[in-house]
């Protein structure tokens, strides 16, 4: 399977959001990665449903939505109606994770689970067969532009073994601090999807930067 690149809209220019969405549409990127933050689960607020609705109007690629919010079950139906294709919730925010995964799937979306840097991948062993995507946070969630946490490589390797043991098709997504300096090593460790925010949107030529990443991870 081709390895995927998902530019993180959190790093886009919010004053020119349509322009940046259209750039991702034209580019070699595979997904839009959209972070929804509530200021409670993480110490930051990003954007909510109205902005996501407007992004979805213009996006022509998979919408991968990452909820960094408490009690995400309340909004699963709403995010489905807004056009999300993949909906990822945090392990740390779900009291009944299995129930939440089933709820997401019942609304026709792929179900993802995100893990904070301190959370062990082994906690997903009993539900990995119900998870379409695991998002490993390689920075502490809440803010873009942070430094990559090196322990992520070990977590990818451990998670890959769990997925293999259960013979599932679960994808491994890496979110935070991804650049051309670590992309190849992340893929070699077992990652399938790389989320890139600041690295893409702060580049002088954003489309060329995405194309370079895509080529690196699919030699």
N, C-alpha and C. Protein backbone atom coordinates (compact mmCIF):
# COMPACT_ATOMS: atom_id res chain seq x y z
N UNK A 1 0.83 -1.21 0.00
CA UNK A 1 0.00 0.00 0.00
C UNK A 1 0.87 1.26 0.00
N UNK A 2 0.48 2.23 -0.79
CA UNK A 2 1.19 3.51 -0.83
C UNK A 2 1.10 4.21 0.52
N UNK A 3 2.20 4.80 0.95
CA UNK A 3 2.22 5.55 2.21
C UNK A 3 1.59 6.92 1.98
N UNK A 4 0.86 7.40 2.99
CA UNK A 4 0.02 8.57 2.82
C UNK A 4 0.58 9.81 3.52
N UNK A 5 0.34 10.96 2.93
CA UNK A 5 0.71 12.26 3.50
C UNK A 5 -0.56 13.04 3.79
N UNK A 6 -0.66 13.55 5.02
CA UNK A 6 -1.86 14.28 5.45
C UNK A 6 -1.47 15.63 6.04
N UNK A 7 -1.48 16.69 5.23
CA UNK A 7 -1.18 18.02 5.76
C UNK A 7 -2.16 18.42 6.85
N UNK A 8 -1.62 18.99 7.93
CA UNK A 8 -2.44 19.39 9.07
C UNK A 8 -2.92 20.83 8.90
N UNK A 9 -4.24 20.99 8.78
CA UNK A 9 -4.82 22.30 8.54
C UNK A 9 -4.63 23.25 9.72
N UNK A 10 -4.29 22.70 10.89
CA UNK A 10 -4.02 23.55 12.06
C UNK A 10 -2.90 24.55 11.76
N UNK A 11 -1.99 24.16 10.86
CA UNK A 11 -0.85 25.02 10.54
C UNK A 11 -1.12 25.93 9.33
N UNK A 12 -2.30 25.84 8.74
CA UNK A 12 -2.63 26.66 7.58
C UNK A 12 -2.82 28.13 7.97
N UNK A 13 -2.94 28.97 6.97
CA UNK A 13 -3.22 30.39 7.17
C UNK A 13 -4.73 30.56 7.27
N UNK A 14 -5.26 30.79 8.47
CA UNK A 14 -6.70 30.84 8.67
C UNK A 14 -7.35 32.03 7.96
N UNK A 15 -6.56 33.03 7.63
CA UNK A 15 -7.09 34.17 6.89
C UNK A 15 -7.23 33.84 5.39
N UNK A 16 -6.60 32.74 4.99
CA UNK A 16 -6.66 32.31 3.58
C UNK A 16 -6.93 30.81 3.51
N UNK A 17 -7.91 30.38 4.28
CA UNK A 17 -8.15 28.95 4.45
C UNK A 17 -8.57 28.27 3.15
N UNK A 18 -9.45 28.90 2.39
CA UNK A 18 -9.87 28.29 1.12
C UNK A 18 -8.67 28.13 0.19
N UNK A 19 -7.81 29.13 0.15
CA UNK A 19 -6.62 29.04 -0.69
C UNK A 19 -5.76 27.84 -0.31
N UNK A 20 -5.57 27.65 1.00
CA UNK A 20 -4.73 26.55 1.46
C UNK A 20 -5.39 25.19 1.24
N UNK A 21 -6.70 25.13 1.39
CA UNK A 21 -7.42 23.88 1.11
C UNK A 21 -7.29 23.52 -0.37
N UNK A 22 -7.42 24.51 -1.23
CA UNK A 22 -7.29 24.26 -2.67
C UNK A 22 -5.86 23.85 -3.04
N UNK A 23 -4.88 24.37 -2.30
CA UNK A 23 -3.49 23.96 -2.53
C UNK A 23 -3.34 22.47 -2.22
N UNK A 24 -3.92 22.02 -1.10
CA UNK A 24 -3.84 20.60 -0.74
C UNK A 24 -4.56 19.75 -1.79
N UNK A 25 -5.70 20.24 -2.28
CA UNK A 25 -6.42 19.53 -3.34
C UNK A 25 -5.53 19.30 -4.56
N UNK A 26 -4.78 20.33 -4.96
CA UNK A 26 -3.92 20.24 -6.15
C UNK A 26 -2.68 19.38 -5.91
N UNK A 27 -2.26 19.29 -4.69
CA UNK A 27 -0.98 18.68 -4.34
C UNK A 27 -1.03 17.16 -4.40
N UNK A 28 0.11 16.54 -4.09
CA UNK A 28 0.21 15.08 -4.03
C UNK A 28 -0.24 14.52 -2.69
N UNK A 29 -0.75 15.37 -1.81
CA UNK A 29 -1.23 14.91 -0.50
C UNK A 29 -2.41 13.96 -0.69
N UNK A 30 -2.60 13.09 0.29
CA UNK A 30 -3.68 12.09 0.23
C UNK A 30 -4.89 12.48 1.07
N UNK A 31 -4.63 13.05 2.25
CA UNK A 31 -5.70 13.37 3.20
C UNK A 31 -5.57 14.81 3.68
N UNK A 32 -6.67 15.33 4.20
CA UNK A 32 -6.66 16.53 5.04
C UNK A 32 -6.69 16.05 6.49
N UNK A 33 -5.78 16.55 7.31
CA UNK A 33 -5.81 16.23 8.74
C UNK A 33 -6.32 17.46 9.48
N UNK A 34 -7.42 17.29 10.21
CA UNK A 34 -8.08 18.42 10.85
C UNK A 34 -8.17 18.20 12.36
N UNK A 35 -7.57 19.08 13.12
CA UNK A 35 -7.55 18.97 14.59
C UNK A 35 -8.66 19.81 15.20
N UNK A 36 -9.51 19.16 15.99
CA UNK A 36 -10.56 19.85 16.73
C UNK A 36 -10.19 19.83 18.21
N UNK A 37 -9.99 21.01 18.80
CA UNK A 37 -9.56 21.13 20.20
C UNK A 37 -10.57 21.92 21.01
N UNK A 38 -10.77 21.50 22.26
CA UNK A 38 -11.83 22.13 23.07
C UNK A 38 -11.32 23.01 24.21
N UNK A 39 -9.99 23.12 24.38
CA UNK A 39 -9.47 23.92 25.48
C UNK A 39 -9.60 23.26 26.83
N UNK A 40 -10.11 22.02 26.85
CA UNK A 40 -10.26 21.26 28.10
C UNK A 40 -9.35 20.04 28.07
N UNK A 41 -9.53 19.19 27.06
CA UNK A 41 -8.66 18.02 26.91
C UNK A 41 -7.23 18.44 26.60
N UNK A 42 -7.10 19.49 25.80
CA UNK A 42 -5.78 20.08 25.52
C UNK A 42 -5.85 21.58 25.82
N UNK A 43 -4.71 22.18 26.16
CA UNK A 43 -4.71 23.60 26.55
C UNK A 43 -4.71 24.55 25.36
N UNK A 44 -5.64 24.32 24.44
CA UNK A 44 -5.73 25.18 23.26
C UNK A 44 -7.11 24.98 22.63
N UNK A 45 -7.57 25.95 21.87
CA UNK A 45 -8.81 25.84 21.12
C UNK A 45 -8.45 26.07 19.65
N UNK A 46 -8.90 25.19 18.77
CA UNK A 46 -8.56 25.36 17.35
C UNK A 46 -9.76 25.96 16.63
N UNK A 47 -10.61 25.11 16.09
CA UNK A 47 -11.82 25.57 15.41
C UNK A 47 -12.87 24.48 15.55
N UNK A 48 -14.12 24.83 15.27
CA UNK A 48 -15.20 23.89 15.48
C UNK A 48 -15.97 23.57 14.22
N UNK A 49 -17.24 23.25 14.40
CA UNK A 49 -18.05 22.73 13.30
C UNK A 49 -18.22 23.68 12.12
N UNK A 50 -18.47 24.99 12.32
CA UNK A 50 -18.66 25.86 11.16
C UNK A 50 -17.44 25.92 10.24
N UNK A 51 -16.25 25.95 10.83
CA UNK A 51 -15.03 25.99 10.00
C UNK A 51 -14.83 24.65 9.29
N UNK A 52 -15.06 23.56 10.01
CA UNK A 52 -14.95 22.24 9.38
C UNK A 52 -15.93 22.11 8.23
N UNK A 53 -17.13 22.60 8.41
CA UNK A 53 -18.14 22.55 7.35
C UNK A 53 -17.64 23.27 6.10
N UNK A 54 -17.02 24.44 6.29
CA UNK A 54 -16.52 25.20 5.15
C UNK A 54 -15.32 24.53 4.49
N UNK A 55 -14.46 23.91 5.29
CA UNK A 55 -13.34 23.16 4.72
C UNK A 55 -13.88 22.02 3.86
N UNK A 56 -14.87 21.30 4.39
CA UNK A 56 -15.43 20.15 3.68
C UNK A 56 -16.07 20.55 2.35
N UNK A 57 -16.59 21.78 2.26
CA UNK A 57 -17.19 22.26 1.01
C UNK A 57 -16.17 22.28 -0.12
N UNK A 58 -14.93 22.58 0.21
CA UNK A 58 -13.90 22.76 -0.81
C UNK A 58 -12.95 21.57 -0.93
N UNK A 59 -12.85 20.75 0.11
CA UNK A 59 -11.91 19.62 0.10
C UNK A 59 -12.37 18.53 -0.86
N UNK A 60 -11.44 18.00 -1.62
CA UNK A 60 -11.75 16.92 -2.56
C UNK A 60 -11.06 15.63 -2.18
N UNK A 61 -10.44 15.60 -1.01
CA UNK A 61 -9.72 14.40 -0.55
C UNK A 61 -10.26 13.97 0.81
N UNK A 62 -9.83 12.81 1.25
CA UNK A 62 -10.25 12.24 2.53
C UNK A 62 -10.09 13.24 3.67
N UNK A 63 -11.13 13.38 4.48
CA UNK A 63 -11.07 14.27 5.64
C UNK A 63 -10.85 13.43 6.90
N UNK A 64 -9.67 13.57 7.45
CA UNK A 64 -9.21 12.82 8.62
C UNK A 64 -9.29 13.76 9.81
N UNK A 65 -10.29 13.56 10.66
CA UNK A 65 -10.55 14.51 11.75
C UNK A 65 -10.10 13.93 13.09
N UNK A 66 -9.30 14.69 13.79
CA UNK A 66 -8.68 14.28 15.06
C UNK A 66 -9.31 15.09 16.19
N UNK A 67 -10.11 14.42 17.00
CA UNK A 67 -10.80 15.09 18.10
C UNK A 67 -9.94 15.09 19.36
N UNK A 68 -9.51 16.27 19.78
CA UNK A 68 -8.80 16.42 21.06
C UNK A 68 -9.78 17.08 22.02
N UNK A 69 -10.84 16.32 22.34
CA UNK A 69 -11.93 16.87 23.15
C UNK A 69 -12.38 15.84 24.18
N UNK A 70 -13.01 16.32 25.25
CA UNK A 70 -13.60 15.41 26.24
C UNK A 70 -14.96 14.93 25.73
N UNK A 71 -15.34 13.75 26.15
CA UNK A 71 -16.66 13.18 25.82
C UNK A 71 -16.98 13.29 24.33
N UNK A 72 -16.16 12.72 23.47
CA UNK A 72 -16.36 12.87 22.03
C UNK A 72 -17.65 12.23 21.51
N UNK A 73 -18.21 11.28 22.23
CA UNK A 73 -19.43 10.60 21.77
C UNK A 73 -20.56 11.59 21.45
N UNK A 74 -20.57 12.71 22.16
CA UNK A 74 -21.65 13.70 21.97
C UNK A 74 -21.71 14.21 20.54
N UNK A 75 -20.59 14.19 19.84
CA UNK A 75 -20.52 14.87 18.54
C UNK A 75 -20.26 13.94 17.37
N UNK A 76 -20.22 12.63 17.60
CA UNK A 76 -19.90 11.69 16.52
C UNK A 76 -20.86 11.86 15.34
N UNK A 77 -22.15 11.90 15.61
CA UNK A 77 -23.15 12.04 14.55
C UNK A 77 -22.95 13.35 13.77
N UNK A 78 -22.65 14.42 14.50
CA UNK A 78 -22.44 15.72 13.87
C UNK A 78 -21.26 15.70 12.91
N UNK A 79 -20.16 15.08 13.34
CA UNK A 79 -18.97 15.03 12.48
C UNK A 79 -19.22 14.17 11.25
N UNK A 80 -20.02 13.15 11.39
CA UNK A 80 -20.39 12.34 10.22
C UNK A 80 -21.18 13.20 9.23
N UNK A 81 -22.12 13.97 9.75
CA UNK A 81 -22.95 14.83 8.90
C UNK A 81 -22.12 15.92 8.22
N UNK A 82 -21.00 16.32 8.84
CA UNK A 82 -20.15 17.35 8.27
C UNK A 82 -19.23 16.82 7.18
N UNK A 83 -19.22 15.50 6.99
CA UNK A 83 -18.45 14.93 5.89
C UNK A 83 -17.13 14.28 6.26
N UNK A 84 -16.91 14.02 7.53
CA UNK A 84 -15.65 13.37 7.94
C UNK A 84 -15.60 11.93 7.45
N UNK A 85 -14.45 11.51 6.98
CA UNK A 85 -14.25 10.14 6.52
C UNK A 85 -13.61 9.26 7.59
N UNK A 86 -12.66 9.85 8.31
CA UNK A 86 -11.99 9.17 9.42
C UNK A 86 -12.20 10.03 10.65
N UNK A 87 -12.65 9.43 11.75
CA UNK A 87 -12.84 10.18 12.99
C UNK A 87 -12.02 9.52 14.08
N UNK A 88 -11.06 10.28 14.61
CA UNK A 88 -10.14 9.76 15.62
C UNK A 88 -10.42 10.40 16.97
N UNK A 89 -10.57 9.56 17.98
CA UNK A 89 -10.78 10.01 19.36
C UNK A 89 -9.56 9.63 20.19
N UNK A 90 -9.37 10.31 21.30
CA UNK A 90 -8.25 9.97 22.17
C UNK A 90 -8.62 8.86 23.14
N UNK A 91 -7.72 7.90 23.26
CA UNK A 91 -7.88 6.84 24.26
C UNK A 91 -8.12 7.45 25.64
N UNK A 92 -7.36 8.51 25.93
CA UNK A 92 -7.41 9.12 27.26
C UNK A 92 -8.73 9.83 27.54
N UNK A 93 -9.53 10.08 26.49
CA UNK A 93 -10.79 10.82 26.64
C UNK A 93 -12.02 9.92 26.63
N UNK A 94 -11.80 8.61 26.45
CA UNK A 94 -12.94 7.70 26.30
C UNK A 94 -13.03 6.71 27.46
N UNK A 95 -14.11 6.78 28.20
CA UNK A 95 -14.33 5.83 29.29
C UNK A 95 -14.69 4.46 28.75
N UNK A 96 -15.47 4.43 27.68
CA UNK A 96 -15.89 3.17 27.07
C UNK A 96 -15.45 3.18 25.61
N UNK A 97 -14.17 2.90 25.38
CA UNK A 97 -13.58 3.05 24.04
C UNK A 97 -14.26 2.15 23.01
N UNK A 98 -14.51 0.91 23.36
CA UNK A 98 -15.13 -0.01 22.41
C UNK A 98 -16.48 0.53 21.93
N UNK A 99 -17.26 1.05 22.86
CA UNK A 99 -18.57 1.61 22.52
C UNK A 99 -18.41 2.81 21.57
N UNK A 100 -17.42 3.64 21.84
CA UNK A 100 -17.19 4.81 21.00
C UNK A 100 -16.79 4.40 19.59
N UNK A 101 -15.94 3.38 19.47
CA UNK A 101 -15.53 2.90 18.15
C UNK A 101 -16.72 2.38 17.36
N UNK A 102 -17.59 1.65 18.02
CA UNK A 102 -18.77 1.12 17.35
C UNK A 102 -19.70 2.26 16.91
N UNK A 103 -19.79 3.30 17.74
CA UNK A 103 -20.62 4.46 17.41
C UNK A 103 -20.11 5.15 16.15
N UNK A 104 -18.79 5.35 16.08
CA UNK A 104 -18.19 5.99 14.91
C UNK A 104 -18.49 5.18 13.65
N UNK A 105 -18.30 3.88 13.73
CA UNK A 105 -18.52 3.02 12.55
C UNK A 105 -19.99 2.98 12.16
N UNK A 106 -20.89 3.08 13.15
CA UNK A 106 -22.32 3.04 12.85
C UNK A 106 -22.75 4.24 12.01
N UNK A 107 -21.93 5.30 12.02
CA UNK A 107 -22.23 6.48 11.22
C UNK A 107 -21.43 6.52 9.92
N UNK A 108 -20.85 5.38 9.55
CA UNK A 108 -20.22 5.26 8.25
C UNK A 108 -18.81 5.80 8.13
N UNK A 109 -18.17 6.07 9.27
CA UNK A 109 -16.80 6.59 9.24
C UNK A 109 -15.80 5.53 9.66
N UNK A 110 -14.55 5.69 9.27
CA UNK A 110 -13.47 4.88 9.80
C UNK A 110 -13.19 5.35 11.22
N UNK A 111 -12.86 4.41 12.11
CA UNK A 111 -12.66 4.73 13.52
C UNK A 111 -11.18 4.74 13.87
N UNK A 112 -10.72 5.89 14.39
CA UNK A 112 -9.33 6.03 14.80
C UNK A 112 -9.20 6.25 16.29
N UNK A 113 -8.05 5.87 16.85
CA UNK A 113 -7.74 6.12 18.26
C UNK A 113 -6.38 6.79 18.33
N UNK A 114 -6.30 7.91 19.02
CA UNK A 114 -5.03 8.62 19.22
C UNK A 114 -4.49 8.32 20.61
N UNK A 115 -3.16 8.24 20.70
CA UNK A 115 -2.49 8.02 21.97
C UNK A 115 -1.52 9.16 22.24
N UNK A 116 -1.60 9.73 23.44
CA UNK A 116 -0.64 10.73 23.86
C UNK A 116 0.74 10.10 24.02
N UNK A 117 1.81 10.91 24.03
CA UNK A 117 3.16 10.35 24.10
C UNK A 117 3.40 9.42 25.29
N UNK A 118 2.71 9.66 26.42
CA UNK A 118 2.96 8.85 27.62
C UNK A 118 2.12 7.58 27.67
N UNK A 119 1.20 7.40 26.73
CA UNK A 119 0.27 6.27 26.78
C UNK A 119 0.82 5.07 26.01
N UNK A 120 0.82 3.91 26.66
CA UNK A 120 1.38 2.70 26.07
C UNK A 120 0.49 2.15 24.96
N UNK A 121 1.10 1.70 23.89
CA UNK A 121 0.34 1.10 22.78
C UNK A 121 -0.32 -0.21 23.20
N UNK A 122 0.21 -0.85 24.23
CA UNK A 122 -0.33 -2.15 24.66
C UNK A 122 -1.74 -2.02 25.22
N UNK A 123 -2.14 -0.82 25.57
CA UNK A 123 -3.50 -0.61 26.07
C UNK A 123 -4.55 -0.82 24.98
N UNK A 124 -4.10 -0.89 23.73
CA UNK A 124 -5.04 -1.10 22.62
C UNK A 124 -5.14 -2.56 22.19
N UNK A 125 -4.40 -3.44 22.85
CA UNK A 125 -4.35 -4.84 22.42
C UNK A 125 -5.72 -5.49 22.31
N UNK A 126 -6.61 -5.18 23.23
CA UNK A 126 -7.91 -5.84 23.27
C UNK A 126 -8.95 -5.24 22.33
N UNK A 127 -8.62 -4.11 21.70
CA UNK A 127 -9.57 -3.50 20.76
C UNK A 127 -8.96 -3.22 19.39
N UNK A 128 -7.73 -3.64 19.17
CA UNK A 128 -7.04 -3.28 17.93
C UNK A 128 -7.81 -3.77 16.70
N UNK A 129 -8.52 -4.89 16.84
CA UNK A 129 -9.28 -5.42 15.70
C UNK A 129 -10.46 -4.53 15.33
N UNK A 130 -10.84 -3.61 16.21
CA UNK A 130 -11.95 -2.70 15.95
C UNK A 130 -11.48 -1.31 15.53
N UNK A 131 -10.18 -1.12 15.41
CA UNK A 131 -9.61 0.20 15.11
C UNK A 131 -9.08 0.22 13.68
N UNK A 132 -9.51 1.21 12.92
CA UNK A 132 -9.02 1.36 11.54
C UNK A 132 -7.70 2.10 11.47
N UNK A 133 -7.46 2.97 12.44
CA UNK A 133 -6.25 3.79 12.43
C UNK A 133 -5.84 4.13 13.86
N UNK A 134 -4.56 4.00 14.16
CA UNK A 134 -4.02 4.47 15.44
C UNK A 134 -3.13 5.67 15.16
N UNK A 135 -3.45 6.80 15.78
CA UNK A 135 -2.67 8.02 15.63
C UNK A 135 -1.73 8.15 16.83
N UNK A 136 -0.44 7.96 16.59
CA UNK A 136 0.54 8.13 17.66
C UNK A 136 0.99 9.58 17.70
N UNK A 137 0.73 10.23 18.83
CA UNK A 137 1.18 11.61 18.98
C UNK A 137 2.68 11.62 19.24
N UNK A 138 3.41 12.26 18.34
CA UNK A 138 4.87 12.35 18.47
C UNK A 138 5.29 13.71 19.04
N UNK A 139 4.29 14.47 19.48
CA UNK A 139 4.48 15.68 20.31
C UNK A 139 3.33 15.66 21.31
N UNK A 140 3.38 16.52 22.30
CA UNK A 140 2.25 16.64 23.22
C UNK A 140 1.14 17.41 22.52
N UNK A 141 -0.08 16.88 22.53
CA UNK A 141 -1.16 17.48 21.74
C UNK A 141 -1.56 18.87 22.23
N UNK A 142 -1.98 19.70 21.28
CA UNK A 142 -2.48 21.02 21.63
C UNK A 142 -1.90 22.16 20.82
N UNK A 143 -0.65 22.01 20.39
CA UNK A 143 0.00 23.10 19.66
C UNK A 143 0.85 22.55 18.52
N UNK A 144 0.91 23.27 17.42
CA UNK A 144 1.77 22.90 16.32
C UNK A 144 3.19 23.38 16.55
N UNK A 145 4.09 22.91 15.70
CA UNK A 145 5.46 23.39 15.72
C UNK A 145 6.35 22.87 16.83
N UNK A 146 5.94 21.77 17.49
CA UNK A 146 6.75 21.23 18.58
C UNK A 146 7.81 20.27 18.07
N UNK A 147 8.77 19.97 18.96
CA UNK A 147 9.87 19.08 18.60
C UNK A 147 9.42 17.62 18.69
N UNK A 148 9.83 16.83 17.72
CA UNK A 148 9.50 15.42 17.64
C UNK A 148 10.05 14.64 18.83
N UNK A 149 9.25 13.73 19.39
CA UNK A 149 9.66 12.89 20.52
C UNK A 149 10.24 11.58 19.98
N UNK A 150 11.51 11.34 20.27
CA UNK A 150 12.24 10.22 19.65
C UNK A 150 11.69 8.84 20.03
N UNK A 151 11.08 8.71 21.20
CA UNK A 151 10.54 7.42 21.63
C UNK A 151 9.44 6.90 20.70
N UNK A 152 8.96 7.78 19.82
CA UNK A 152 7.89 7.39 18.89
C UNK A 152 8.29 6.19 18.04
N UNK A 153 9.54 6.10 17.64
CA UNK A 153 9.97 4.97 16.81
C UNK A 153 9.72 3.64 17.51
N UNK A 154 10.04 3.58 18.81
CA UNK A 154 9.82 2.34 19.57
C UNK A 154 8.33 2.01 19.66
N UNK A 155 7.52 3.05 19.83
CA UNK A 155 6.07 2.83 19.92
C UNK A 155 5.51 2.28 18.60
N UNK A 156 6.02 2.79 17.49
CA UNK A 156 5.58 2.28 16.19
C UNK A 156 5.90 0.79 16.07
N UNK A 157 7.13 0.43 16.45
CA UNK A 157 7.55 -0.97 16.36
C UNK A 157 6.68 -1.87 17.22
N UNK A 158 6.40 -1.42 18.45
CA UNK A 158 5.56 -2.21 19.36
C UNK A 158 4.14 -2.34 18.81
N UNK A 159 3.60 -1.24 18.30
CA UNK A 159 2.24 -1.26 17.77
C UNK A 159 2.15 -2.15 16.53
N UNK A 160 3.17 -2.12 15.68
CA UNK A 160 3.18 -2.96 14.48
C UNK A 160 3.10 -4.44 14.86
N UNK A 161 3.76 -4.82 15.96
CA UNK A 161 3.72 -6.21 16.42
C UNK A 161 2.32 -6.59 16.89
N UNK A 162 1.66 -5.67 17.58
CA UNK A 162 0.29 -5.93 18.07
C UNK A 162 -0.67 -6.10 16.89
N UNK A 163 -0.54 -5.23 15.90
CA UNK A 163 -1.39 -5.30 14.71
C UNK A 163 -1.15 -6.62 13.97
N UNK A 164 0.12 -7.00 13.85
CA UNK A 164 0.47 -8.25 13.17
C UNK A 164 -0.07 -9.47 13.90
N UNK A 165 0.01 -9.45 15.23
CA UNK A 165 -0.45 -10.59 16.03
C UNK A 165 -1.95 -10.81 15.89
N UNK A 166 -2.69 -9.72 15.71
CA UNK A 166 -4.15 -9.82 15.56
C UNK A 166 -4.57 -9.86 14.08
N UNK A 167 -3.58 -9.76 13.19
CA UNK A 167 -3.83 -9.85 11.74
C UNK A 167 -4.90 -8.87 11.28
N UNK A 168 -4.75 -7.61 11.68
CA UNK A 168 -5.70 -6.57 11.28
C UNK A 168 -5.08 -5.66 10.22
N UNK A 169 -5.90 -4.80 9.62
CA UNK A 169 -5.42 -3.86 8.61
C UNK A 169 -5.26 -2.45 9.18
N UNK A 170 -5.14 -2.34 10.49
CA UNK A 170 -5.05 -1.05 11.17
C UNK A 170 -3.87 -0.23 10.64
N UNK A 171 -4.13 1.02 10.29
CA UNK A 171 -3.07 1.93 9.84
C UNK A 171 -2.43 2.62 11.03
N UNK A 172 -1.14 2.93 10.91
CA UNK A 172 -0.42 3.68 11.93
C UNK A 172 -0.14 5.08 11.39
N UNK A 173 -0.66 6.08 12.09
CA UNK A 173 -0.49 7.48 11.70
C UNK A 173 0.40 8.18 12.71
N UNK A 174 1.29 9.03 12.24
CA UNK A 174 2.19 9.77 13.12
C UNK A 174 1.86 11.26 13.01
N UNK A 175 1.66 11.89 14.15
CA UNK A 175 1.20 13.28 14.18
C UNK A 175 2.09 14.11 15.11
N UNK A 176 2.89 15.00 14.49
CA UNK A 176 3.70 15.92 15.28
C UNK A 176 5.16 15.89 14.93
N UNK A 177 5.68 17.02 14.49
CA UNK A 177 7.12 17.13 14.24
C UNK A 177 7.63 16.36 13.04
N UNK A 178 6.75 16.01 12.12
CA UNK A 178 7.17 15.26 10.93
C UNK A 178 7.80 16.20 9.91
N UNK A 179 8.97 15.83 9.43
CA UNK A 179 9.68 16.59 8.39
C UNK A 179 10.37 15.60 7.44
N UNK A 180 11.09 16.15 6.45
CA UNK A 180 11.85 15.27 5.56
C UNK A 180 13.02 14.62 6.29
N UNK A 181 13.35 15.09 7.48
CA UNK A 181 14.48 14.52 8.23
C UNK A 181 14.12 13.22 8.94
N UNK A 182 12.83 13.01 9.25
CA UNK A 182 12.46 11.78 9.96
C UNK A 182 11.42 10.93 9.22
N UNK A 183 10.93 11.41 8.10
CA UNK A 183 9.84 10.72 7.39
C UNK A 183 10.22 9.29 6.99
N UNK A 184 11.40 9.11 6.43
CA UNK A 184 11.81 7.79 5.96
C UNK A 184 11.95 6.83 7.14
N UNK A 185 12.56 7.29 8.22
CA UNK A 185 12.74 6.43 9.40
C UNK A 185 11.40 6.03 10.00
N UNK A 186 10.42 6.94 9.97
CA UNK A 186 9.09 6.63 10.49
C UNK A 186 8.42 5.54 9.65
N UNK A 187 8.54 5.65 8.34
CA UNK A 187 7.96 4.65 7.44
C UNK A 187 8.67 3.31 7.63
N UNK A 188 9.98 3.34 7.74
CA UNK A 188 10.75 2.11 7.93
C UNK A 188 10.38 1.42 9.25
N UNK A 189 10.01 2.21 10.25
CA UNK A 189 9.60 1.63 11.55
C UNK A 189 8.23 0.98 11.46
N UNK A 190 7.41 1.41 10.46
CA UNK A 190 6.11 0.79 10.30
C UNK A 190 4.94 1.74 10.13
N UNK A 191 5.20 3.04 10.03
CA UNK A 191 4.12 4.01 9.88
C UNK A 191 3.51 3.94 8.48
N UNK A 192 2.22 4.29 8.38
CA UNK A 192 1.50 4.28 7.11
C UNK A 192 1.06 5.68 6.66
N UNK A 193 0.79 6.55 7.63
CA UNK A 193 0.28 7.90 7.35
C UNK A 193 1.11 8.91 8.14
N UNK A 194 1.60 9.93 7.48
CA UNK A 194 2.37 10.98 8.15
C UNK A 194 1.61 12.29 8.09
N UNK A 195 1.36 12.87 9.26
CA UNK A 195 0.71 14.18 9.35
C UNK A 195 1.81 15.23 9.41
N UNK A 196 1.74 16.20 8.52
CA UNK A 196 2.76 17.26 8.49
C UNK A 196 2.06 18.61 8.49
N UNK A 197 2.38 19.43 9.48
CA UNK A 197 1.75 20.73 9.61
C UNK A 197 2.67 21.88 9.27
N UNK A 198 3.44 22.31 10.26
CA UNK A 198 4.34 23.45 10.07
C UNK A 198 5.32 23.22 8.92
N UNK A 199 5.81 22.00 8.80
CA UNK A 199 6.78 21.68 7.76
C UNK A 199 6.22 21.99 6.37
N UNK A 200 4.93 21.74 6.18
CA UNK A 200 4.29 22.00 4.88
C UNK A 200 3.92 23.48 4.75
N UNK A 201 3.17 23.99 5.71
CA UNK A 201 2.55 25.30 5.53
C UNK A 201 3.51 26.47 5.75
N UNK A 202 4.67 26.24 6.36
CA UNK A 202 5.67 27.30 6.49
C UNK A 202 6.69 27.27 5.36
N UNK A 203 6.53 26.29 4.47
CA UNK A 203 7.45 26.18 3.34
C UNK A 203 7.17 27.26 2.30
N UNK A 204 8.20 27.66 1.59
CA UNK A 204 8.04 28.66 0.52
C UNK A 204 7.20 28.09 -0.62
N UNK A 205 7.48 26.85 -0.98
CA UNK A 205 6.71 26.16 -2.02
C UNK A 205 6.03 24.96 -1.38
N UNK A 206 4.79 25.12 -0.98
CA UNK A 206 4.09 24.09 -0.22
C UNK A 206 3.82 22.84 -1.05
N UNK A 207 3.42 23.02 -2.29
CA UNK A 207 3.13 21.85 -3.13
C UNK A 207 4.40 21.04 -3.39
N UNK A 208 5.51 21.71 -3.61
CA UNK A 208 6.77 21.01 -3.84
C UNK A 208 7.21 20.27 -2.58
N UNK A 209 6.95 20.86 -1.42
CA UNK A 209 7.31 20.24 -0.14
C UNK A 209 6.51 18.96 0.07
N UNK A 210 5.21 19.01 -0.24
CA UNK A 210 4.37 17.81 -0.14
C UNK A 210 4.85 16.74 -1.13
N UNK A 211 5.16 17.16 -2.35
CA UNK A 211 5.63 16.22 -3.37
C UNK A 211 6.93 15.55 -2.93
N UNK A 212 7.81 16.32 -2.32
CA UNK A 212 9.09 15.78 -1.83
C UNK A 212 8.84 14.74 -0.75
N UNK A 213 7.96 15.04 0.21
CA UNK A 213 7.62 14.08 1.26
C UNK A 213 7.04 12.80 0.67
N UNK A 214 6.12 12.97 -0.27
CA UNK A 214 5.45 11.84 -0.89
C UNK A 214 6.46 10.93 -1.59
N UNK A 215 7.43 11.54 -2.26
CA UNK A 215 8.46 10.77 -2.95
C UNK A 215 9.37 10.05 -1.97
N UNK A 216 9.70 10.72 -0.87
CA UNK A 216 10.55 10.11 0.14
C UNK A 216 9.95 8.84 0.72
N UNK A 217 8.66 8.87 0.99
CA UNK A 217 8.02 7.74 1.68
C UNK A 217 7.52 6.67 0.72
N UNK A 218 7.57 6.97 -0.59
CA UNK A 218 7.18 5.98 -1.60
C UNK A 218 8.27 5.92 -2.67
N UNK A 219 9.46 5.44 -2.31
CA UNK A 219 10.58 5.44 -3.27
C UNK A 219 10.32 4.49 -4.44
